[in-house]
Amino acid sequence: MIYEMRTYHVNSGKMEALLSRFRNHSCALLEKHGIKLIGFWTNSMGGRSDQLIWMIAYNDYAHREQAWGAFAADPEWQKVKAESERDGLLVNFLSNQLLQPTNFSPLQ
């Protein structure tokens, strides 16, 4: 199992719209395409208030490529993204890390 930590740097005033998109659409669509959701976080102390940090998991690197390809091509996702960004992009930029758990991690 590999894990991906994604940090979305959210455009000013767009955090609630992004959280709503995840809550109401993105989570179900990600899971539909085999992406395992681990968790979502915002900063309550320390860090920046314009970040959404989330973690997901895949069986392996090939699974990651296949799942993201299917998600990106999903017409429902394309519609949800277009509608949610009608008044401007929600995310300014993202950063991500692919993480491999250690042999003593409880996440194995």
N, C-alpha and C. Protein backbone atom coordinates (compact mmCIF):
# COMPACT_ATOMS: atom_id res chain seq x y z
N MET A 1 0.86 -1.17 0.00
CA MET A 1 0.00 0.00 0.00
C MET A 1 0.90 1.24 0.00
N ILE A 2 0.57 2.18 -0.86
CA ILE A 2 1.26 3.47 -0.84
C ILE A 2 0.23 4.55 -0.51
N TYR A 3 0.72 5.61 0.09
CA TYR A 3 -0.13 6.71 0.51
C TYR A 3 0.31 7.97 -0.21
N GLU A 4 -0.66 8.83 -0.46
CA GLU A 4 -0.36 10.11 -1.08
C GLU A 4 -0.91 11.21 -0.19
N MET A 5 -0.04 12.14 0.17
CA MET A 5 -0.45 13.32 0.91
C MET A 5 -0.52 14.46 -0.09
N ARG A 6 -1.70 15.07 -0.20
CA ARG A 6 -1.92 16.16 -1.14
C ARG A 6 -2.25 17.42 -0.33
N THR A 7 -1.63 18.52 -0.69
CA THR A 7 -1.93 19.80 -0.06
C THR A 7 -2.42 20.74 -1.13
N TYR A 8 -3.65 21.18 -0.97
CA TYR A 8 -4.24 22.15 -1.89
C TYR A 8 -4.10 23.54 -1.27
N HIS A 9 -3.52 24.44 -2.01
CA HIS A 9 -3.39 25.83 -1.61
C HIS A 9 -4.56 26.56 -2.27
N VAL A 10 -5.51 26.92 -1.43
CA VAL A 10 -6.83 27.35 -1.90
C VAL A 10 -6.84 28.85 -2.16
N ASN A 11 -7.49 29.24 -3.25
CA ASN A 11 -7.62 30.66 -3.58
C ASN A 11 -8.45 31.37 -2.51
N SER A 12 -8.18 32.64 -2.33
CA SER A 12 -8.84 33.46 -1.32
C SER A 12 -10.36 33.38 -1.45
N GLY A 13 -11.00 33.10 -0.33
CA GLY A 13 -12.44 33.05 -0.29
C GLY A 13 -13.07 31.79 -0.88
N LYS A 14 -12.27 30.80 -1.24
CA LYS A 14 -12.79 29.61 -1.92
C LYS A 14 -12.77 28.33 -1.07
N MET A 15 -12.32 28.42 0.18
CA MET A 15 -12.20 27.22 1.00
C MET A 15 -13.55 26.53 1.18
N GLU A 16 -14.59 27.26 1.53
CA GLU A 16 -15.89 26.61 1.76
C GLU A 16 -16.40 25.93 0.49
N ALA A 17 -16.19 26.56 -0.65
CA ALA A 17 -16.61 25.95 -1.92
C ALA A 17 -15.84 24.66 -2.17
N LEU A 18 -14.55 24.65 -1.86
CA LEU A 18 -13.75 23.44 -2.06
C LEU A 18 -14.19 22.34 -1.10
N LEU A 19 -14.39 22.69 0.16
CA LEU A 19 -14.85 21.69 1.14
C LEU A 19 -16.20 21.13 0.73
N SER A 20 -17.08 21.98 0.26
CA SER A 20 -18.40 21.55 -0.19
C SER A 20 -18.28 20.59 -1.38
N ARG A 21 -17.38 20.90 -2.31
CA ARG A 21 -17.20 20.02 -3.48
C ARG A 21 -16.73 18.64 -3.04
N PHE A 22 -15.79 18.59 -2.09
CA PHE A 22 -15.35 17.29 -1.59
C PHE A 22 -16.49 16.59 -0.87
N ARG A 23 -17.14 17.29 0.05
CA ARG A 23 -18.20 16.71 0.87
C ARG A 23 -19.34 16.16 0.01
N ASN A 24 -19.74 16.90 -0.98
CA ASN A 24 -20.94 16.55 -1.75
C ASN A 24 -20.69 15.76 -3.02
N HIS A 25 -19.46 15.75 -3.51
CA HIS A 25 -19.21 15.11 -4.81
C HIS A 25 -17.89 14.33 -4.89
N SER A 26 -16.78 15.02 -4.62
CA SER A 26 -15.46 14.45 -4.91
C SER A 26 -15.18 13.17 -4.15
N CYS A 27 -15.54 13.12 -2.87
CA CYS A 27 -15.24 11.91 -2.09
C CYS A 27 -15.86 10.68 -2.72
N ALA A 28 -17.13 10.76 -3.06
CA ALA A 28 -17.81 9.61 -3.67
C ALA A 28 -17.20 9.25 -5.01
N LEU A 29 -16.84 10.25 -5.80
CA LEU A 29 -16.25 9.98 -7.11
C LEU A 29 -14.86 9.36 -6.99
N LEU A 30 -14.05 9.83 -6.04
CA LEU A 30 -12.74 9.25 -5.82
C LEU A 30 -12.88 7.77 -5.44
N GLU A 31 -13.78 7.50 -4.49
CA GLU A 31 -13.98 6.11 -4.07
C GLU A 31 -14.53 5.25 -5.20
N LYS A 32 -15.39 5.81 -6.03
CA LYS A 32 -15.93 5.10 -7.20
C LYS A 32 -14.81 4.56 -8.08
N HIS A 33 -13.70 5.31 -8.14
CA HIS A 33 -12.58 4.92 -9.01
C HIS A 33 -11.46 4.22 -8.24
N GLY A 34 -11.78 3.73 -7.04
CA GLY A 34 -10.84 2.88 -6.31
C GLY A 34 -9.78 3.62 -5.52
N ILE A 35 -9.97 4.91 -5.27
CA ILE A 35 -9.03 5.68 -4.46
C ILE A 35 -9.53 5.64 -3.02
N LYS A 36 -8.71 5.10 -2.13
CA LYS A 36 -9.10 4.95 -0.72
C LYS A 36 -8.84 6.25 0.01
N LEU A 37 -9.88 6.80 0.63
CA LEU A 37 -9.75 8.05 1.38
C LEU A 37 -9.28 7.74 2.79
N ILE A 38 -8.21 8.42 3.22
CA ILE A 38 -7.68 8.25 4.57
C ILE A 38 -8.16 9.36 5.49
N GLY A 39 -8.07 10.62 5.04
CA GLY A 39 -8.53 11.74 5.87
C GLY A 39 -8.28 13.08 5.21
N PHE A 40 -8.94 14.09 5.77
CA PHE A 40 -8.86 15.48 5.30
C PHE A 40 -8.63 16.38 6.50
N TRP A 41 -7.76 17.39 6.33
CA TRP A 41 -7.44 18.29 7.42
C TRP A 41 -7.32 19.74 6.93
N THR A 42 -7.68 20.65 7.81
CA THR A 42 -7.33 22.06 7.65
C THR A 42 -6.51 22.43 8.87
N ASN A 43 -5.76 23.51 8.78
CA ASN A 43 -4.93 23.94 9.90
C ASN A 43 -5.76 24.71 10.92
N SER A 44 -5.70 24.27 12.17
CA SER A 44 -6.38 25.01 13.23
C SER A 44 -5.36 25.80 14.06
N MET A 45 -4.09 25.40 14.00
CA MET A 45 -3.02 26.13 14.68
C MET A 45 -1.72 25.80 13.96
N GLY A 46 -0.97 26.82 13.65
CA GLY A 46 0.25 26.61 12.89
C GLY A 46 -0.11 26.39 11.44
N GLY A 47 0.79 26.56 10.57
CA GLY A 47 0.50 26.38 9.16
C GLY A 47 -0.35 27.50 8.61
N ARG A 48 -0.79 27.34 7.39
CA ARG A 48 -1.54 28.37 6.70
C ARG A 48 -3.03 28.03 6.69
N SER A 49 -3.85 29.03 6.75
CA SER A 49 -5.30 28.82 6.79
C SER A 49 -5.89 28.55 5.40
N ASP A 50 -5.08 28.69 4.36
CA ASP A 50 -5.59 28.49 3.00
C ASP A 50 -5.22 27.11 2.44
N GLN A 51 -4.99 26.15 3.32
CA GLN A 51 -4.59 24.82 2.87
C GLN A 51 -5.62 23.76 3.26
N LEU A 52 -5.87 22.87 2.33
CA LEU A 52 -6.60 21.63 2.61
C LEU A 52 -5.59 20.52 2.40
N ILE A 53 -5.37 19.73 3.42
CA ILE A 53 -4.40 18.63 3.38
C ILE A 53 -5.20 17.34 3.45
N TRP A 54 -4.92 16.43 2.53
CA TRP A 54 -5.67 15.18 2.55
C TRP A 54 -4.77 14.02 2.15
N MET A 55 -5.15 12.83 2.61
CA MET A 55 -4.38 11.63 2.33
C MET A 55 -5.29 10.57 1.72
N ILE A 56 -4.72 9.87 0.75
CA ILE A 56 -5.40 8.78 0.07
C ILE A 56 -4.43 7.61 -0.07
N ALA A 57 -4.96 6.45 -0.44
CA ALA A 57 -4.11 5.26 -0.53
C ALA A 57 -4.43 4.47 -1.79
N TYR A 58 -3.41 3.75 -2.25
CA TYR A 58 -3.51 2.89 -3.43
C TYR A 58 -2.81 1.57 -3.14
N ASN A 59 -3.15 0.57 -3.92
CA ASN A 59 -2.48 -0.72 -3.78
C ASN A 59 -1.01 -0.62 -4.19
N ASP A 60 -0.74 0.12 -5.27
CA ASP A 60 0.61 0.28 -5.79
C ASP A 60 0.61 1.44 -6.78
N TYR A 61 1.75 1.71 -7.39
CA TYR A 61 1.87 2.85 -8.30
C TYR A 61 1.01 2.68 -9.56
N ALA A 62 0.90 1.48 -10.06
CA ALA A 62 0.06 1.24 -11.24
C ALA A 62 -1.40 1.52 -10.92
N HIS A 63 -1.83 1.12 -9.75
CA HIS A 63 -3.20 1.39 -9.31
C HIS A 63 -3.44 2.90 -9.24
N ARG A 64 -2.47 3.64 -8.75
CA ARG A 64 -2.60 5.11 -8.67
C ARG A 64 -2.81 5.70 -10.06
N GLU A 65 -1.99 5.30 -11.01
CA GLU A 65 -2.10 5.83 -12.38
C GLU A 65 -3.46 5.50 -13.00
N GLN A 66 -3.89 4.25 -12.84
CA GLN A 66 -5.17 3.83 -13.41
C GLN A 66 -6.32 4.59 -12.77
N ALA A 67 -6.31 4.69 -11.44
CA ALA A 67 -7.42 5.33 -10.71
C ALA A 67 -7.54 6.81 -11.04
N TRP A 68 -6.42 7.53 -11.08
CA TRP A 68 -6.48 8.96 -11.40
C TRP A 68 -6.89 9.19 -12.85
N GLY A 69 -6.45 8.32 -13.73
CA GLY A 69 -6.87 8.44 -15.13
C GLY A 69 -8.37 8.29 -15.29
N ALA A 70 -8.93 7.29 -14.61
CA ALA A 70 -10.37 7.05 -14.67
C ALA A 70 -11.14 8.19 -14.02
N PHE A 71 -10.65 8.68 -12.89
CA PHE A 71 -11.30 9.80 -12.20
C PHE A 71 -11.32 11.04 -13.09
N ALA A 72 -10.18 11.39 -13.65
CA ALA A 72 -10.08 12.60 -14.48
C ALA A 72 -10.97 12.52 -15.71
N ALA A 73 -11.17 11.32 -16.24
CA ALA A 73 -11.98 11.15 -17.45
C ALA A 73 -13.48 11.02 -17.16
N ASP A 74 -13.84 10.90 -15.91
CA ASP A 74 -15.25 10.69 -15.54
C ASP A 74 -16.08 11.93 -15.89
N PRO A 75 -17.09 11.79 -16.73
CA PRO A 75 -17.93 12.94 -17.11
C PRO A 75 -18.61 13.61 -15.92
N GLU A 76 -18.96 12.83 -14.91
CA GLU A 76 -19.58 13.43 -13.71
C GLU A 76 -18.60 14.35 -13.00
N TRP A 77 -17.33 13.92 -12.87
CA TRP A 77 -16.31 14.76 -12.25
C TRP A 77 -16.09 16.03 -13.07
N GLN A 78 -16.00 15.89 -14.37
CA GLN A 78 -15.78 17.05 -15.23
C GLN A 78 -16.92 18.07 -15.07
N LYS A 79 -18.15 17.59 -14.95
CA LYS A 79 -19.30 18.47 -14.76
C LYS A 79 -19.24 19.16 -13.40
N VAL A 80 -18.97 18.39 -12.34
CA VAL A 80 -18.89 18.94 -10.98
C VAL A 80 -17.79 19.98 -10.90
N LYS A 81 -16.63 19.69 -11.48
CA LYS A 81 -15.50 20.63 -11.44
C LYS A 81 -15.87 21.92 -12.17
N ALA A 82 -16.43 21.80 -13.35
CA ALA A 82 -16.80 23.00 -14.12
C ALA A 82 -17.83 23.85 -13.37
N GLU A 83 -18.84 23.21 -12.81
CA GLU A 83 -19.86 23.95 -12.08
C GLU A 83 -19.29 24.62 -10.84
N SER A 84 -18.42 23.94 -10.11
CA SER A 84 -17.88 24.49 -8.87
C SER A 84 -16.88 25.62 -9.14
N GLU A 85 -16.34 25.67 -10.36
CA GLU A 85 -15.35 26.71 -10.69
C GLU A 85 -15.92 27.76 -11.64
N ARG A 86 -17.24 27.82 -11.71
CA ARG A 86 -17.90 28.80 -12.57
C ARG A 86 -17.48 30.23 -12.22
N ASP A 87 -17.25 30.50 -10.93
CA ASP A 87 -16.85 31.84 -10.48
C ASP A 87 -15.35 31.95 -10.21
N GLY A 88 -14.57 31.03 -10.73
CA GLY A 88 -13.12 31.07 -10.57
C GLY A 88 -12.57 29.78 -9.98
N LEU A 89 -11.29 29.55 -10.24
CA LEU A 89 -10.61 28.35 -9.74
C LEU A 89 -10.63 28.32 -8.22
N LEU A 90 -10.82 27.13 -7.65
CA LEU A 90 -10.82 26.97 -6.20
C LEU A 90 -9.41 26.80 -5.66
N VAL A 91 -8.57 26.10 -6.41
CA VAL A 91 -7.21 25.77 -5.95
C VAL A 91 -6.20 26.54 -6.78
N ASN A 92 -5.31 27.26 -6.08
CA ASN A 92 -4.25 28.01 -6.74
C ASN A 92 -3.16 27.05 -7.24
N PHE A 93 -2.70 26.16 -6.35
CA PHE A 93 -1.75 25.13 -6.75
C PHE A 93 -1.80 24.01 -5.72
N LEU A 94 -1.25 22.87 -6.09
CA LEU A 94 -1.20 21.74 -5.17
C LEU A 94 0.21 21.19 -5.10
N SER A 95 0.49 20.57 -3.99
CA SER A 95 1.72 19.82 -3.84
C SER A 95 1.33 18.44 -3.32
N ASN A 96 2.14 17.46 -3.67
CA ASN A 96 1.83 16.11 -3.21
C ASN A 96 3.11 15.34 -2.96
N GLN A 97 2.96 14.33 -2.12
CA GLN A 97 4.06 13.42 -1.79
C GLN A 97 3.50 12.01 -1.81
N LEU A 98 4.24 11.08 -2.39
CA LEU A 98 3.90 9.66 -2.31
C LEU A 98 4.72 9.07 -1.17
N LEU A 99 4.04 8.43 -0.24
CA LEU A 99 4.66 7.98 0.99
C LEU A 99 4.57 6.46 1.11
N GLN A 100 5.65 5.84 1.49
CA GLN A 100 5.70 4.39 1.72
C GLN A 100 5.82 4.19 3.23
N PRO A 101 4.88 3.45 3.86
CA PRO A 101 4.98 3.25 5.30
C PRO A 101 6.20 2.41 5.67
N THR A 102 6.74 2.69 6.82
CA THR A 102 7.85 1.89 7.34
C THR A 102 7.32 0.52 7.75
N ASN A 103 8.23 -0.42 7.99
CA ASN A 103 7.81 -1.76 8.34
C ASN A 103 7.24 -1.84 9.76
N PHE A 104 7.32 -0.78 10.54
CA PHE A 104 6.73 -0.76 11.88
C PHE A 104 5.51 0.16 11.97
N SER A 105 5.08 0.69 10.85
CA SER A 105 3.92 1.58 10.84
C SER A 105 2.63 0.80 10.99
N PRO A 106 1.70 1.28 11.81
CA PRO A 106 0.41 0.59 11.91
C PRO A 106 -0.44 0.73 10.65
N LEU A 107 -0.02 1.54 9.68
CA LEU A 107 -0.78 1.74 8.44
C LEU A 107 -0.55 0.65 7.41
N GLN A 108 0.35 -0.25 7.64
CA GLN A 108 0.66 -1.29 6.64
C GLN A 108 -0.55 -2.08 6.25
